[in-house]
Amino acid sequence: MTKPDIRHLNFEQLQNWITNQNLPKYRAEQIYHWLWLKNVASFDEMTDLPKSLRTLLSEQFEIKKIQTQSIQISKDKTIKCAIRLFDNNIVESVLIPTKDRATACVSSQVGCSLDCKFCATAQLKRKRNLDYQEIYQQVYFIKELAKEKYNLNLTNIVYMGMGEPLLNYNNVLKSIEMITSPKGLGMSPQRITVSTSGIAKMIVKLADDNVKFNLALSLHSAIEEKRQQIMSISTSNTLEMLANALNYFYQKTGTRPTLEYVMLYEFNDSIKDAQALVDFCRKVKSKVNLIEYNPVENSPFKKTTPERLNAFVEYLEKHRVIATVRRSRGQDIDAACGQLVNKNQLALS
C-alpha cells in the first residue's frame, strides 16, 4: 500500500496528526521546518526528533524527493538541470546568474499539451502535471546551486520552463504559496513571474484570486492570423479576449502584465508587425520584452537580424512603447528560452 506524501499535509493538518499521537504541538513546527526550510529527503535527517517519532513518521508517510539526473554549465554560467521525479519522469530547470542576481526558471508540467511552433517543449507529449512540492523542490535545488556555484542568493523565479502553468493552476499557486510563506522560502511574490501562452479565463481567475506575483503573456504576434499560425491556443483565445483579460488582471491586482515577444526572422519582425504590437499596447497597460529566438530542431524559424531588431525597437520607442531586449542565455547547452526538452524523453514521446 502506498503511503501518503507528508508534504501534502498543510501545517494545521500536521498539527492535528501530532495531537492525535498525543505528542506536543511543537513537534509539528520541527517537522515542517525540516520538510520545507531544510528540504530533507528522509525522516532520519530530522535529528532533533526522537527516534520513536521518526520511526512512526516513516511507517505512516513518505517523502517524495526529486533527484538531479544531470547538470550542464554554459559558457555564460547558465546551468541547466535535468531533474528526475519520483516516477522517473524528467523535467528541466535552469539557473540564470548575473553579477548580483540569480533566477530560477522552473517547469510546471512533464511535457506540454500545447503546440507552439517555435518551442522545443511542444514536441513532447504532456504526461502529467507536476505536484506543488515538486515545483517547490526545483526552486529549492536552484537556490542551493546558486549559493554553491556562484555564492548568489536566489532573487527571482520564473515559471517559464516546461509546460503551461495555467493548465496546472492549483499546483502552481500552491507552490507559490509555499515559496512565499515564512514557513517556506519566504520570498516576495513580486520576485515571481508566471508566464502563460494565453488562456483568457484563467488570467481572469488569477485576477479574481488577487494574486500578488507578476504575469507574463507569450504574445509573439499582435496580428490574429499570424498568432494562430504559431500558437493554436489563440484560435480559442483571441487577441481581443486576451486584451480584456489582461486589463481585468491589471484593474484587480494593480500589476502590469508583461508581453513576451520572440523575434522570428521575416515572420513577426517587420514594421507592420511592430505597428500591430503598438496598437495592442494601446489597448493593454503592459510592458514588452523582446526575446531573441533560439534555434530549435525541426523548427522552420530563424533568429531575426540585428538590423531588423533595431528597426523594430526604434518603431516601438517612437510610438512610446518601451521594450526591453532579452538576450539569450545558455544557448550552447539548449537552456535558452524555448529550448527546454529532455532529449531522452523526446525519443520516447
Protein backbone atom coordinates (compact mmCIF):
# COMPACT_ATOMS: atom_id res chain seq x y z
CA MET A 1 0.00 0.00 0.00
CA THR A 2 1.35 3.42 -1.00
CA LYS A 3 1.97 5.77 1.90
CA PRO A 4 0.86 9.41 1.58
CA ASP A 5 3.44 12.10 0.90
CA ILE A 6 3.80 14.03 4.15
CA ARG A 7 4.27 17.30 2.23
CA HIS A 8 0.62 17.03 1.22
CA LEU A 9 -0.33 17.89 4.80
CA ASN A 10 -0.65 21.58 5.46
CA PHE A 11 0.61 22.88 8.80
CA GLU A 12 -2.77 22.62 10.51
CA GLN A 13 -3.23 19.04 9.32
CA LEU A 14 0.23 18.15 10.53
CA GLN A 15 -0.56 19.71 13.92
CA ASN A 16 -3.75 17.63 14.11
CA TRP A 17 -1.81 14.47 13.31
CA ILE A 18 0.72 15.28 16.03
CA THR A 19 -2.08 15.95 18.54
CA ASN A 20 -3.74 12.65 17.66
CA GLN A 21 -0.46 10.90 18.50
CA ASN A 22 -0.52 12.56 21.94
CA LEU A 23 2.67 14.43 21.12
CA PRO A 24 3.49 18.07 21.92
CA LYS A 25 2.38 20.56 19.25
CA TYR A 26 5.87 21.98 18.77
CA ARG A 27 6.83 18.74 17.03
CA ALA A 28 4.72 19.86 14.06
CA GLU A 29 6.80 23.04 13.81
CA GLN A 30 10.00 20.99 13.84
CA ILE A 31 8.77 18.58 11.15
CA TYR A 32 7.52 21.40 8.92
CA HIS A 33 10.86 23.14 9.30
CA TRP A 34 12.73 20.02 8.12
CA LEU A 35 10.36 19.45 5.20
CA TRP A 36 10.24 22.95 3.76
CA LEU A 37 13.15 25.03 5.09
CA LYS A 38 15.67 22.17 5.01
CA ASN A 39 14.06 20.11 2.21
CA VAL A 40 15.21 16.81 3.72
CA ALA A 41 14.92 13.54 1.82
CA SER A 42 14.26 11.22 4.77
CA PHE A 43 12.83 11.26 8.28
CA ASP A 44 16.18 10.08 9.66
CA GLU A 45 17.62 13.51 8.80
CA MET A 46 15.24 15.13 11.31
CA THR A 47 17.85 14.88 14.02
CA ASP A 48 16.05 16.88 16.73
CA LEU A 49 13.12 14.44 16.73
CA PRO A 50 13.15 11.37 19.00
CA LYS A 51 13.87 8.13 17.17
CA SER A 52 10.43 6.79 18.07
CA LEU A 53 8.74 9.69 16.24
CA ARG A 54 11.00 9.32 13.21
CA THR A 55 10.08 5.65 13.05
CA LEU A 56 6.38 6.45 13.36
CA LEU A 57 6.62 9.03 10.59
CA SER A 58 8.40 6.61 8.25
CA GLU A 59 5.76 3.95 8.96
CA GLN A 60 2.85 6.25 8.05
CA PHE A 61 4.30 8.66 5.45
CA GLU A 62 6.89 9.01 2.73
CA ILE A 63 8.89 11.96 1.42
CA LYS A 64 8.87 12.07 -2.37
CA LYS A 65 12.19 13.52 -3.39
CA ILE A 66 13.36 14.80 -6.76
CA GLN A 67 16.90 13.98 -7.86
CA THR A 68 19.43 15.52 -10.22
CA GLN A 69 19.80 13.48 -13.41
CA SER A 70 22.44 15.73 -14.97
CA ILE A 71 23.86 19.25 -14.87
CA GLN A 72 25.22 21.25 -17.81
CA ILE A 73 27.08 24.55 -17.39
CA SER A 74 27.06 27.09 -20.23
CA LYS A 75 30.00 29.29 -21.16
CA ASP A 76 27.88 32.23 -19.86
CA LYS A 77 27.50 30.40 -16.48
CA THR A 78 23.86 29.45 -17.03
CA ILE A 79 23.23 25.98 -15.56
CA LYS A 80 20.64 23.54 -16.90
CA CYS A 81 19.50 20.71 -14.64
CA ALA A 82 17.69 17.58 -15.73
CA ILE A 83 15.53 16.68 -12.73
CA ARG A 84 14.33 13.10 -12.22
CA LEU A 85 10.97 12.95 -10.48
CA PHE A 86 9.85 10.17 -8.11
CA ASP A 87 8.15 8.30 -11.01
CA ASN A 88 11.27 8.60 -13.23
CA ASN A 89 9.80 11.29 -15.47
CA ILE A 90 12.26 14.09 -16.19
CA VAL A 91 11.84 17.85 -16.35
CA GLU A 92 14.39 20.62 -16.79
CA SER A 93 15.15 23.61 -14.58
CA VAL A 94 17.60 26.43 -15.24
CA LEU A 95 19.74 28.70 -13.07
CA ILE A 96 20.37 32.05 -14.77
CA PRO A 97 23.02 34.04 -12.88
CA THR A 98 24.16 37.64 -13.32
CA LYS A 99 26.64 39.62 -11.25
CA ASP A 100 24.25 40.19 -8.36
CA ARG A 101 21.13 38.16 -9.21
CA ALA A 102 20.15 34.53 -9.58
CA THR A 103 16.97 33.49 -11.37
CA ALA A 104 15.38 30.05 -11.22
CA CYS A 105 13.42 29.00 -14.31
CA VAL A 106 11.19 26.08 -13.33
CA SER A 107 8.88 23.61 -15.05
CA SER A 108 5.23 23.04 -14.16
CA GLN A 109 4.36 20.03 -16.34
CA VAL A 110 6.07 16.92 -17.70
CA GLY A 111 5.94 17.83 -21.39
CA CYS A 112 3.30 20.22 -22.70
CA SER A 113 -0.17 19.88 -24.21
CA LEU A 114 0.23 22.99 -26.39
CA ASP A 115 1.93 23.02 -29.79
CA CYS A 116 3.65 26.39 -30.15
CA LYS A 117 5.63 26.01 -33.37
CA PHE A 118 8.80 27.73 -32.17
CA CYS A 119 9.18 25.86 -28.87
CA ALA A 120 11.11 22.62 -28.30
CA THR A 121 8.99 21.56 -25.32
CA ALA A 122 5.94 21.49 -27.62
CA GLN A 123 7.50 18.47 -29.34
CA LEU A 124 6.87 16.48 -26.15
CA LYS A 125 3.55 14.96 -25.19
CA ARG A 126 2.16 16.15 -21.88
CA LYS A 127 2.49 13.26 -19.44
CA ARG A 128 1.27 14.86 -16.24
CA ASN A 129 1.14 17.95 -14.09
CA LEU A 130 3.84 18.49 -11.51
CA ASP A 131 2.78 18.36 -7.88
CA TYR A 132 3.30 21.60 -5.97
CA GLN A 133 6.06 20.09 -3.83
CA GLU A 134 7.92 19.01 -6.99
CA ILE A 135 7.84 22.61 -8.24
CA TYR A 136 8.96 23.83 -4.82
CA GLN A 137 11.84 21.36 -4.76
CA GLN A 138 13.06 22.61 -8.15
CA VAL A 139 13.23 26.13 -6.72
CA TYR A 140 14.98 24.89 -3.58
CA PHE A 141 17.54 22.99 -5.64
CA ILE A 142 18.30 26.01 -7.85
CA LYS A 143 18.59 28.18 -4.72
CA GLU A 144 21.22 25.82 -3.27
CA LEU A 145 23.01 25.58 -6.62
CA ALA A 146 23.25 29.38 -6.92
CA LYS A 147 24.85 29.55 -3.48
CA GLU A 148 27.21 26.64 -4.10
CA LYS A 149 28.40 27.61 -7.60
CA TYR A 150 28.30 31.40 -7.57
CA ASN A 151 27.74 32.46 -3.94
CA LEU A 152 24.50 34.16 -5.01
CA ASN A 153 21.19 34.31 -3.19
CA LEU A 154 18.15 33.33 -5.24
CA THR A 155 16.48 36.61 -6.20
CA ASN A 156 13.88 35.72 -8.85
CA ILE A 157 11.73 32.82 -10.01
CA VAL A 158 10.11 32.46 -13.42
CA TYR A 159 7.57 29.79 -14.32
CA MET A 160 8.86 29.65 -17.89
CA GLY A 161 10.18 26.10 -18.07
CA MET A 162 8.39 23.06 -19.47
CA GLY A 163 4.59 23.16 -19.59
CA GLU A 164 1.76 25.69 -19.40
CA PRO A 165 1.47 26.89 -15.78
CA LEU A 166 -2.19 27.90 -16.02
CA LEU A 167 -3.11 24.34 -17.05
CA ASN A 168 -1.68 23.26 -13.69
CA TYR A 169 -3.33 26.12 -11.85
CA ASN A 170 -3.80 24.73 -8.33
CA ASN A 171 -0.33 23.21 -8.01
CA VAL A 172 1.35 26.35 -9.38
CA LEU A 173 -0.47 28.59 -6.91
CA LYS A 174 0.15 26.20 -4.02
CA SER A 175 3.86 26.09 -4.87
CA ILE A 176 3.98 29.90 -4.86
CA GLU A 177 2.13 29.93 -1.54
CA MET A 178 4.87 27.75 -0.02
CA ILE A 179 7.73 29.63 -1.73
CA THR A 180 6.46 32.92 -0.29
CA SER A 181 5.45 31.54 3.12
CA PRO A 182 7.66 32.31 6.15
CA LYS A 183 7.50 28.55 6.77
CA GLY A 184 8.89 28.01 3.26
CA LEU A 185 11.43 30.16 1.43
CA GLY A 186 9.88 33.47 2.48
CA MET A 187 10.38 35.08 -0.94
CA SER A 188 8.43 38.12 -2.07
CA PRO A 189 5.71 37.35 -4.66
CA GLN A 190 6.98 40.40 -6.55
CA ARG A 191 10.08 38.32 -7.32
CA ILE A 192 7.99 35.65 -9.06
CA THR A 193 6.69 35.70 -12.65
CA VAL A 194 4.24 33.20 -14.10
CA SER A 195 4.26 33.01 -17.89
CA THR A 196 1.27 31.80 -19.90
CA SER A 197 0.63 31.12 -23.57
CA GLY A 198 -2.68 32.90 -23.12
CA ILE A 199 -5.70 31.26 -21.51
CA ALA A 200 -8.06 34.17 -21.03
CA LYS A 201 -10.43 32.61 -18.49
CA MET A 202 -7.50 31.52 -16.29
CA ILE A 203 -5.98 35.02 -16.41
CA VAL A 204 -9.35 36.28 -15.16
CA LYS A 205 -9.22 33.64 -12.42
CA LEU A 206 -5.78 34.86 -11.37
CA ALA A 207 -7.22 38.35 -11.05
CA ASP A 208 -10.22 37.15 -9.04
CA ASP A 209 -7.86 35.22 -6.77
CA ASN A 210 -5.98 38.51 -6.25
CA VAL A 211 -2.54 37.04 -6.85
CA LYS A 212 0.48 39.14 -5.90
CA PHE A 213 3.01 37.75 -8.37
CA ASN A 214 3.82 39.03 -11.86
CA LEU A 215 2.16 37.77 -15.03
CA ALA A 216 3.74 37.43 -18.47
CA LEU A 217 1.85 36.65 -21.67
CA SER A 218 3.60 34.90 -24.55
CA LEU A 219 2.19 37.12 -27.30
CA HIS A 220 4.68 36.71 -30.20
CA SER A 221 2.35 38.39 -32.68
CA ALA A 222 -0.34 41.04 -32.37
CA ILE A 223 -1.78 40.01 -35.73
CA GLU A 224 -4.52 37.43 -35.19
CA GLU A 225 -3.82 35.26 -38.24
CA LYS A 226 -0.08 35.09 -37.56
CA ARG A 227 -0.53 34.24 -33.90
CA GLN A 228 -2.88 31.42 -34.85
CA GLN A 229 -0.25 30.03 -37.22
CA ILE A 230 2.30 29.58 -34.45
CA MET A 231 0.06 29.13 -31.37
CA SER A 232 -3.09 27.07 -31.92
CA ILE A 233 -4.34 28.06 -28.46
CA SER A 234 -5.04 31.50 -29.91
CA THR A 235 -7.93 30.17 -32.02
CA SER A 236 -9.97 29.88 -28.82
CA ASN A 237 -8.25 32.76 -27.03
CA THR A 238 -8.36 35.70 -29.42
CA LEU A 239 -6.32 38.86 -29.03
CA GLU A 240 -9.47 40.72 -28.00
CA MET A 241 -10.20 38.13 -25.29
CA LEU A 242 -6.62 38.35 -24.05
CA ALA A 243 -6.63 42.15 -24.03
CA ASN A 244 -9.82 42.15 -21.94
CA ALA A 245 -8.41 39.53 -19.55
CA LEU A 246 -5.09 41.38 -19.13
CA ASN A 247 -6.84 44.68 -18.46
CA TYR A 248 -9.04 42.96 -15.89
CA PHE A 249 -5.91 41.49 -14.29
CA TYR A 250 -4.32 44.95 -14.08
CA GLN A 251 -7.51 46.51 -12.73
CA LYS A 252 -7.86 43.87 -9.98
CA THR A 253 -4.20 43.43 -8.98
CA GLY A 254 -2.56 46.75 -9.88
CA THR A 255 0.27 44.80 -11.59
CA ARG A 256 1.10 45.50 -15.23
CA PRO A 257 1.47 42.28 -17.22
CA THR A 258 4.50 41.77 -19.43
CA LEU A 259 4.11 40.91 -23.12
CA GLU A 260 6.74 38.44 -24.30
CA TYR A 261 7.56 38.65 -27.99
CA VAL A 262 10.08 36.27 -29.56
CA MET A 263 11.60 37.82 -32.68
CA LEU A 264 11.25 35.45 -35.66
CA TYR A 265 13.07 36.39 -38.87
CA GLU A 266 10.70 37.62 -41.61
CA PHE A 267 7.68 36.31 -39.71
CA ASN A 268 6.84 38.78 -36.96
CA ASP A 269 9.73 41.27 -37.11
CA SER A 270 8.57 43.76 -39.77
CA ILE A 271 7.41 47.34 -39.21
CA LYS A 272 3.86 46.17 -39.91
CA ASP A 273 4.25 43.71 -37.03
CA ALA A 274 5.64 46.47 -34.82
CA GLN A 275 2.65 48.67 -35.68
CA ALA A 276 0.26 45.87 -34.66
CA LEU A 277 2.15 45.49 -31.37
CA VAL A 278 1.88 49.24 -30.72
CA ASP A 279 -1.87 49.06 -31.35
CA PHE A 280 -2.19 46.14 -28.89
CA CYS A 281 -0.15 48.01 -26.26
CA ARG A 282 -2.53 50.97 -26.57
CA LYS A 283 -5.34 48.64 -25.50
CA VAL A 284 -3.44 46.93 -22.67
CA LYS A 285 -1.42 48.54 -19.87
CA SER A 286 1.70 46.42 -20.19
CA LYS A 287 5.45 46.14 -20.54
CA VAL A 288 7.19 44.50 -23.51
CA ASN A 289 10.07 42.04 -23.57
CA LEU A 290 11.56 41.32 -26.99
CA ILE A 291 13.25 37.91 -26.91
CA GLU A 292 15.96 36.59 -29.19
CA TYR A 293 14.87 33.40 -30.89
CA ASN A 294 16.92 30.34 -30.05
CA PRO A 295 17.32 27.58 -32.64
CA VAL A 296 15.13 24.51 -32.16
CA GLU A 297 15.38 21.26 -34.13
CA ASN A 298 12.55 20.69 -36.64
CA SER A 299 11.51 24.35 -36.48
CA PRO A 300 11.30 26.47 -39.66
CA PHE A 301 12.08 29.71 -37.83
CA LYS A 302 15.29 31.71 -37.63
CA LYS A 303 16.61 34.42 -35.36
CA THR A 304 15.96 37.95 -36.60
CA THR A 305 18.87 40.12 -37.73
CA PRO A 306 20.31 42.96 -35.61
CA GLU A 307 19.11 45.44 -38.27
CA ARG A 308 15.50 44.25 -38.20
CA LEU A 309 15.54 44.08 -34.40
CA ASN A 310 16.85 47.64 -34.13
CA ALA A 311 14.27 48.95 -36.60
CA PHE A 312 11.52 47.17 -34.63
CA VAL A 313 12.70 48.67 -31.33
CA GLU A 314 13.03 52.16 -32.85
CA TYR A 315 9.46 51.99 -34.15
CA LEU A 316 8.15 50.95 -30.73
CA GLU A 317 10.05 53.70 -28.94
CA LYS A 318 8.93 56.29 -31.49
CA HIS A 319 5.37 55.39 -30.53
CA ARG A 320 6.11 55.46 -26.80
CA VAL A 321 6.22 51.73 -26.22
CA ILE A 322 9.30 50.95 -24.17
CA ALA A 323 10.65 47.49 -24.88
CA THR A 324 13.45 45.56 -23.19
CA VAL A 325 15.50 43.27 -25.41
CA ARG A 326 16.25 39.99 -23.62
CA ARG A 327 19.49 38.42 -24.82
CA SER A 328 19.87 34.65 -24.98
CA ARG A 329 21.43 32.81 -22.05
CA GLY A 330 22.54 29.20 -22.06
CA GLN A 331 22.00 28.69 -25.78
CA ASP A 332 25.07 26.44 -26.12
CA ILE A 333 23.52 23.89 -23.71
CA ASP A 334 19.93 24.19 -25.03
CA ALA A 335 18.90 26.04 -21.87
CA ALA A 336 17.66 29.23 -23.50
CA CYS A 337 14.05 30.33 -23.91
CA GLY A 338 12.05 27.76 -25.88
CA GLN A 339 14.81 25.14 -25.88
CA LEU A 340 13.89 23.03 -22.84
CA VAL A 341 13.29 19.49 -23.97
CA ASN A 342 14.75 16.37 -22.41
CA LYS A 343 16.26 14.53 -25.40
CA ASN A 344 15.66 11.07 -23.91
CA GLN A 345 12.05 11.89 -23.17
CA LEU A 346 11.58 13.31 -26.67
CA ALA A 347 12.73 10.00 -28.13
CA LEU A 348 10.07 8.20 -26.10
CA SER A 349 7.23 10.62 -26.93
